[in-house]
């Protein structure tokens, strides 16, 4: 074979490879078709509009074609911050910044939800309706999700141009936890664990499997945007602290406890700071026999001191059945 023919053959192989890669590029339509189910599922777990999740995925990952998405399954441009998992480096605002790396795209979608519900700066967004995508887009920009000054405008443009708002209508209309769109068997959320009685509107945040729990021993869920676990027989604060890389003292603080209490008397334990008020669907609670201000604070994921201050009562005060407690 002559040198000329060798170069022609090499060029043909390179051209064929590049053409093949170009043909495999994911289009906007393919991205929406592939990931809309996950976006809707995450919306029903947390209240984050599916349109917002999809628009952010399209924008941040270039429809799944970006280096971060292809090599790190990172669809939302979430940087390392306090991340303890695998990482990938990429030039962004600065050279070679650290980004989170996931085992699958589904982990990226789950972590996107957890990232928003666990950060206090995004807390105000969860009082918005999932159908108000414009307010969500502006709120994300105002809270500092991205440095692009036109970030909100770009999200809104994507949502309206591709009619992604149609997926937000899949939100439950009766304040109950609606069935989740089937994506994969392992993606199906579990039944809601914490919910008020039928007389009180049900908290819309349903429980679900968070795929990247450190040791995978406990399933985590969200109540009022706060992550929690259902306790099992034999659980100790020390073991849970090790499993989730949390200080024991922080566990007591998150749950408004002194450390003298026994976990055996509890069914649920929060893994993060509770909110200052309840979900907007739960404005009040009618005291029943056996209720304490602490048990109410745990039920709705509200800080005990905030609940006491809001109702102008002492945190240890006995409550009379029938008393209406303000939660917001």
Protein backbone atom coordinates (compact mmCIF):
# COMPACT_ATOMS: atom_id res chain seq x y z
CA UNK A 1 0.00 0.00 0.00
CA UNK A 2 1.37 3.38 -1.01
CA UNK A 3 1.79 6.22 1.48
CA UNK A 4 -0.89 8.16 -0.36
CA UNK A 5 -3.40 5.31 -0.04
CA UNK A 6 -2.53 4.95 3.65
CA UNK A 7 -3.32 8.64 4.28
CA UNK A 8 -6.57 8.29 2.34
CA UNK A 9 -7.53 5.25 4.43
CA UNK A 10 -6.65 7.00 7.70
CA UNK A 11 -8.59 10.09 6.66
CA UNK A 12 -11.59 7.95 5.72
CA UNK A 13 -11.53 6.22 9.12
CA UNK A 14 -11.29 9.54 10.97
CA UNK A 15 -14.04 11.08 8.86
CA UNK A 16 -16.26 8.05 9.37
CA UNK A 17 -15.69 8.17 13.13
CA UNK A 18 -16.44 11.89 13.37
CA UNK A 19 -19.54 11.45 11.24
CA UNK A 20 -20.70 8.61 13.47
CA UNK A 21 -20.18 10.73 16.59
CA UNK A 22 -22.04 13.64 15.02
CA UNK A 23 -24.95 11.38 14.15
CA UNK A 24 -25.21 10.24 17.76
CA UNK A 25 -25.75 13.77 19.07
CA UNK A 26 -28.96 13.96 21.12
CA UNK A 27 -31.56 16.40 19.84
CA UNK A 28 -33.83 18.51 22.04
CA UNK A 29 -36.79 16.32 21.13
CA UNK A 30 -34.90 13.14 22.02
CA UNK A 31 -33.74 14.63 25.32
CA UNK A 32 -37.28 15.60 26.29
CA UNK A 33 -38.62 12.18 25.30
CA UNK A 34 -35.91 10.38 27.26
CA UNK A 35 -35.97 12.44 30.46
CA UNK A 36 -39.47 13.90 30.82
CA UNK A 37 -40.56 10.92 32.95
CA UNK A 38 -37.78 11.54 35.45
CA UNK A 39 -38.54 15.27 35.54
CA UNK A 40 -42.22 14.58 36.26
CA UNK A 41 -41.31 12.01 38.93
CA UNK A 42 -39.01 14.51 40.66
CA UNK A 43 -41.76 17.16 40.48
CA UNK A 44 -44.18 14.87 42.30
CA UNK A 45 -41.60 14.17 44.96
CA UNK A 46 -40.60 17.75 45.66
CA UNK A 47 -42.77 20.30 43.83
CA UNK A 48 -39.98 21.43 41.46
CA UNK A 49 -41.69 22.06 38.08
CA UNK A 50 -40.87 19.39 35.51
CA UNK A 51 -40.48 22.17 32.95
CA UNK A 52 -37.78 23.81 35.06
CA UNK A 53 -35.89 20.53 35.52
CA UNK A 54 -36.02 19.77 31.80
CA UNK A 55 -35.08 23.31 30.79
CA UNK A 56 -32.12 23.32 33.15
CA UNK A 57 -31.03 19.93 31.84
CA UNK A 58 -31.28 21.12 28.24
CA UNK A 59 -29.38 24.32 28.99
CA UNK A 60 -26.76 23.03 31.41
CA UNK A 61 -25.95 19.78 29.57
CA UNK A 62 -26.55 20.88 25.97
CA UNK A 63 -29.27 18.20 25.72
CA UNK A 64 -26.98 15.61 27.30
CA UNK A 65 -24.18 16.26 24.80
CA UNK A 66 -21.83 18.27 27.04
CA UNK A 67 -18.58 16.85 28.34
CA UNK A 68 -19.94 16.86 31.90
CA UNK A 69 -23.05 14.92 30.84
CA UNK A 70 -21.25 12.44 28.62
CA UNK A 71 -18.29 11.73 30.92
CA UNK A 72 -19.82 12.48 34.32
CA UNK A 73 -23.60 12.07 33.90
CA UNK A 74 -23.86 15.61 35.30
CA UNK A 75 -26.91 17.18 33.62
CA UNK A 76 -27.28 20.26 35.84
CA UNK A 77 -23.79 21.70 36.15
CA UNK A 78 -23.71 21.13 39.91
CA UNK A 79 -20.24 21.76 41.31
CA UNK A 80 -18.58 19.78 44.10
CA UNK A 81 -19.18 22.10 47.10
CA UNK A 82 -19.60 19.63 50.02
CA UNK A 83 -19.74 16.61 47.69
CA UNK A 84 -17.96 13.44 48.87
CA UNK A 85 -18.58 11.30 45.77
CA UNK A 86 -16.66 11.02 42.51
CA UNK A 87 -15.64 14.21 40.75
CA UNK A 88 -14.83 15.49 37.27
CA UNK A 89 -12.98 18.67 36.30
CA UNK A 90 -14.06 21.14 33.66
CA UNK A 91 -13.40 24.78 32.72
CA UNK A 92 -16.29 27.01 33.78
CA UNK A 93 -16.06 30.41 35.49
CA UNK A 94 -12.51 29.35 36.34
CA UNK A 95 -10.13 26.82 34.83
CA UNK A 96 -10.58 23.17 35.82
CA UNK A 97 -13.36 23.57 38.37
CA UNK A 98 -14.60 20.58 40.33
CA UNK A 99 -18.00 19.13 39.36
CA UNK A 100 -19.99 16.21 40.74
CA UNK A 101 -19.77 12.93 38.83
CA UNK A 102 -22.61 10.40 38.89
CA UNK A 103 -22.94 6.72 38.05
CA UNK A 104 -26.05 7.40 35.97
CA UNK A 105 -28.20 10.23 34.66
CA UNK A 106 -30.93 9.22 37.11
CA UNK A 107 -28.57 9.98 40.01
CA UNK A 108 -28.03 13.43 38.52
CA UNK A 109 -31.77 14.09 38.42
CA UNK A 110 -32.20 12.85 42.01
CA UNK A 111 -29.28 14.93 43.25
CA UNK A 112 -30.64 18.00 41.46
CA UNK A 113 -33.79 17.66 43.56
CA UNK A 114 -31.84 17.10 46.77
CA UNK A 115 -29.51 20.01 45.97
CA UNK A 116 -32.44 22.44 45.71
CA UNK A 117 -34.49 21.20 48.68
CA UNK A 118 -31.46 21.00 50.99
CA UNK A 119 -30.10 24.52 50.40
CA UNK A 120 -31.69 27.28 52.49
CA UNK A 121 -31.21 29.84 49.73
CA UNK A 122 -33.75 27.99 47.56
CA UNK A 123 -36.28 27.49 50.37
CA UNK A 124 -38.60 30.32 49.26
CA UNK A 125 -39.08 28.65 45.86
CA UNK A 126 -41.02 25.81 47.43
CA UNK A 127 -43.85 28.16 48.37
CA UNK A 128 -44.42 28.70 44.62
CA UNK A 129 -46.81 26.64 42.56
CA UNK A 130 -45.18 24.02 40.30
CA UNK A 131 -47.08 25.61 37.41
CA UNK A 132 -45.42 29.00 37.96
CA UNK A 133 -42.31 28.24 35.92
CA UNK A 134 -41.53 31.93 35.35
CA UNK A 135 -41.28 32.63 39.09
CA UNK A 136 -39.16 29.49 39.54
CA UNK A 137 -36.78 30.56 36.77
CA UNK A 138 -36.39 34.05 38.22
CA UNK A 139 -36.04 32.63 41.73
CA UNK A 140 -33.26 30.26 40.70
CA UNK A 141 -31.33 33.15 39.16
CA UNK A 142 -31.92 35.39 42.18
CA UNK A 143 -30.74 32.62 44.53
CA UNK A 144 -27.48 32.31 42.59
CA UNK A 145 -27.91 29.00 40.74
CA UNK A 146 -26.00 30.42 37.75
CA UNK A 147 -23.84 33.47 37.08
CA UNK A 148 -25.35 34.13 33.65
CA UNK A 149 -27.37 37.39 34.01
CA UNK A 150 -29.83 36.09 31.40
CA UNK A 151 -30.27 32.68 33.05
CA UNK A 152 -33.95 33.13 33.93
CA UNK A 153 -34.79 34.50 30.48
CA UNK A 154 -33.06 31.60 28.79
CA UNK A 155 -34.92 29.03 30.91
CA UNK A 156 -38.28 30.68 30.20
CA UNK A 157 -37.48 30.83 26.47
CA UNK A 158 -36.67 27.09 26.39
CA UNK A 159 -39.83 26.22 28.32
CA UNK A 160 -42.11 28.27 26.09
CA UNK A 161 -40.43 27.43 22.78
CA UNK A 162 -40.53 23.68 23.49
CA UNK A 163 -43.84 23.85 25.40
CA UNK A 164 -42.32 22.14 28.42
CA UNK A 165 -44.99 23.71 30.66
CA UNK A 166 -47.34 20.96 29.49
CA UNK A 167 -45.54 18.56 31.85
CA UNK A 168 -46.25 20.76 34.89
CA UNK A 169 -49.98 20.02 34.59
CA UNK A 170 -49.18 16.53 35.83
CA UNK A 171 -49.06 17.97 39.36
CA UNK A 172 -51.61 16.45 41.79
CA UNK A 173 -54.74 18.61 41.86
CA UNK A 174 -56.26 17.28 45.08
CA UNK A 175 -53.26 17.87 47.37
CA UNK A 176 -52.68 14.13 47.57
CA UNK A 177 -49.64 12.26 46.41
CA UNK A 178 -50.35 11.24 42.82
CA UNK A 179 -48.91 8.12 41.20
CA UNK A 180 -45.56 8.71 39.57
CA UNK A 181 -44.97 8.21 35.85
CA UNK A 182 -43.21 4.90 35.37
CA UNK A 183 -39.60 5.35 34.29
CA UNK A 184 -37.65 2.36 35.53
CA UNK A 185 -38.54 -0.13 38.20
CA UNK A 186 -35.85 1.22 40.52
CA UNK A 187 -37.04 4.80 39.91
CA UNK A 188 -40.50 4.23 41.44
CA UNK A 189 -40.93 6.22 44.66
CA UNK A 190 -42.14 4.54 47.81
CA UNK A 191 -45.42 5.35 49.53
CA UNK A 192 -45.59 8.60 51.43
CA UNK A 193 -44.50 7.94 55.00
CA UNK A 194 -45.30 11.21 56.78
CA UNK A 195 -48.65 12.76 56.01
CA UNK A 196 -51.32 14.56 58.03
CA UNK A 197 -54.73 13.00 58.63
CA UNK A 198 -57.43 13.17 55.97
CA UNK A 199 -58.88 16.26 57.70
CA UNK A 200 -55.69 18.18 56.96
CA UNK A 201 -54.33 18.65 53.41
CA UNK A 202 -51.59 16.12 52.67
CA UNK A 203 -48.04 17.41 52.34
CA UNK A 204 -47.16 17.10 48.68
CA UNK A 205 -43.55 16.02 49.22
CA UNK A 206 -43.67 12.23 48.96
CA UNK A 207 -40.94 9.87 50.05
CA UNK A 208 -38.56 8.32 47.56
CA UNK A 209 -35.35 6.39 47.26
CA UNK A 210 -32.35 8.70 47.10
CA UNK A 211 -29.92 6.63 45.08
CA UNK A 212 -26.61 7.90 46.42
CA UNK A 213 -27.10 7.49 50.16
CA UNK A 214 -23.59 6.88 51.58
CA UNK A 215 -24.17 3.29 52.72
CA UNK A 216 -27.59 2.66 51.29
CA UNK A 217 -28.94 1.24 54.55
CA UNK A 218 -31.83 3.65 55.04
CA UNK A 219 -34.18 5.01 52.43
CA UNK A 220 -34.45 8.75 52.70
CA UNK A 221 -37.47 10.91 51.95
CA UNK A 222 -38.53 14.53 52.17
CA UNK A 223 -41.11 16.18 54.39
CA UNK A 224 -41.61 19.93 53.96
CA UNK A 225 -38.41 19.89 51.92
CA UNK A 226 -36.35 18.35 54.74
CA UNK A 227 -34.66 14.98 54.32
CA UNK A 228 -35.53 12.31 56.90
CA UNK A 229 -35.36 8.56 57.49
CA UNK A 230 -37.71 6.05 59.05
CA UNK A 231 -36.01 4.56 62.09
CA UNK A 232 -35.55 0.83 62.52
CA UNK A 233 -35.24 -1.34 65.57
CA UNK A 234 -31.69 -1.16 66.92
CA UNK A 235 -30.87 2.20 65.33
CA UNK A 236 -28.64 4.49 67.35
CA UNK A 237 -27.73 8.11 66.77
CA UNK A 238 -24.07 7.11 66.48
CA UNK A 239 -24.71 4.59 63.70
CA UNK A 240 -26.92 6.98 61.76
CA UNK A 241 -24.35 9.75 62.14
CA UNK A 242 -21.67 7.48 60.63
CA UNK A 243 -23.94 6.33 57.81
CA UNK A 244 -24.82 9.86 56.71
CA UNK A 245 -21.59 11.61 57.72
CA UNK A 246 -23.43 13.81 60.23
CA UNK A 247 -22.31 14.78 63.72
CA UNK A 248 -24.41 13.24 66.49
CA UNK A 249 -24.81 16.69 68.02
CA UNK A 250 -26.22 17.93 64.69
CA UNK A 251 -28.77 15.09 64.63
CA UNK A 252 -30.05 16.22 68.03
CA UNK A 253 -30.14 19.84 66.85
CA UNK A 254 -31.98 19.02 63.61
CA UNK A 255 -34.67 17.22 65.62
CA UNK A 256 -34.91 19.72 68.51
CA UNK A 257 -33.61 17.15 70.98
CA UNK A 258 -31.10 17.41 73.84
CA UNK A 259 -29.59 13.95 73.40
CA UNK A 260 -31.17 12.53 76.52
CA UNK A 261 -34.13 11.15 74.58
CA UNK A 262 -34.21 7.57 73.26
CA UNK A 263 -34.53 6.93 69.53
CA UNK A 264 -36.65 3.90 70.34
CA UNK A 265 -39.55 6.21 71.13
CA UNK A 266 -39.29 7.89 67.71
CA UNK A 267 -40.34 6.73 64.27
CA UNK A 268 -38.68 9.35 62.09
CA UNK A 269 -35.45 11.33 62.28
CA UNK A 270 -34.57 14.43 60.26
CA UNK A 271 -31.14 14.63 58.63
CA UNK A 272 -31.16 18.37 58.03
CA UNK A 273 -32.42 21.63 59.48
CA UNK A 274 -36.21 21.87 59.67
CA UNK A 275 -38.02 24.81 58.09
CA UNK A 276 -39.34 27.99 59.69
CA UNK A 277 -42.88 27.17 58.63
CA UNK A 278 -44.95 24.33 57.22
CA UNK A 279 -45.76 23.60 53.61
CA UNK A 280 -48.31 26.04 52.19
CA UNK A 281 -50.93 23.25 52.03
CA UNK A 282 -50.77 22.87 55.83
CA UNK A 283 -51.51 26.28 57.40
CA UNK A 284 -52.82 24.97 60.74
CA UNK A 285 -52.98 21.90 62.97
CA UNK A 286 -55.80 21.00 65.36
CA UNK A 287 -54.37 19.57 68.58
CA UNK A 288 -55.36 16.02 69.43
CA UNK A 289 -54.94 14.13 72.69
CA UNK A 290 -51.25 13.33 73.23
CA UNK A 291 -49.96 16.04 70.90
CA UNK A 292 -47.05 18.16 72.07
CA UNK A 293 -45.56 21.16 70.36
CA UNK A 294 -42.47 19.04 69.66
CA UNK A 295 -44.46 16.21 68.05
CA UNK A 296 -46.25 18.77 65.87
CA UNK A 297 -42.93 20.32 64.88
CA UNK A 298 -41.69 16.87 63.85
CA UNK A 299 -44.87 16.01 61.96
CA UNK A 300 -44.67 19.07 59.75
CA UNK A 301 -40.90 19.58 59.63
CA UNK A 302 -40.88 22.93 61.47
CA UNK A 303 -38.28 24.21 63.95
CA UNK A 304 -39.65 23.92 67.49
CA UNK A 305 -38.59 27.42 68.56
CA UNK A 306 -40.18 28.96 65.47
CA UNK A 307 -43.43 27.10 66.11
CA UNK A 308 -43.49 28.22 69.74
CA UNK A 309 -42.77 31.84 68.81
CA UNK A 310 -45.38 31.83 66.04
CA UNK A 311 -48.07 30.71 68.51
CA UNK A 312 -46.75 32.69 71.49
CA UNK A 313 -46.53 29.63 73.73
CA UNK A 314 -43.73 27.86 75.60
CA UNK A 315 -42.20 24.87 73.82
CA UNK A 316 -42.83 22.63 76.85
CA UNK A 317 -46.38 23.88 77.50
CA UNK A 318 -49.16 21.27 77.59
CA UNK A 319 -51.60 21.60 74.73
CA UNK A 320 -55.36 21.36 75.05
CA UNK A 321 -57.18 19.16 72.55
CA UNK A 322 -58.99 21.25 69.95
CA UNK A 323 -56.48 24.12 70.08
CA UNK A 324 -55.59 25.41 66.61
CA UNK A 325 -51.84 25.73 66.09
CA UNK A 326 -50.63 28.07 63.37
CA UNK A 327 -47.99 26.42 61.18
CA UNK A 328 -47.25 29.36 58.85
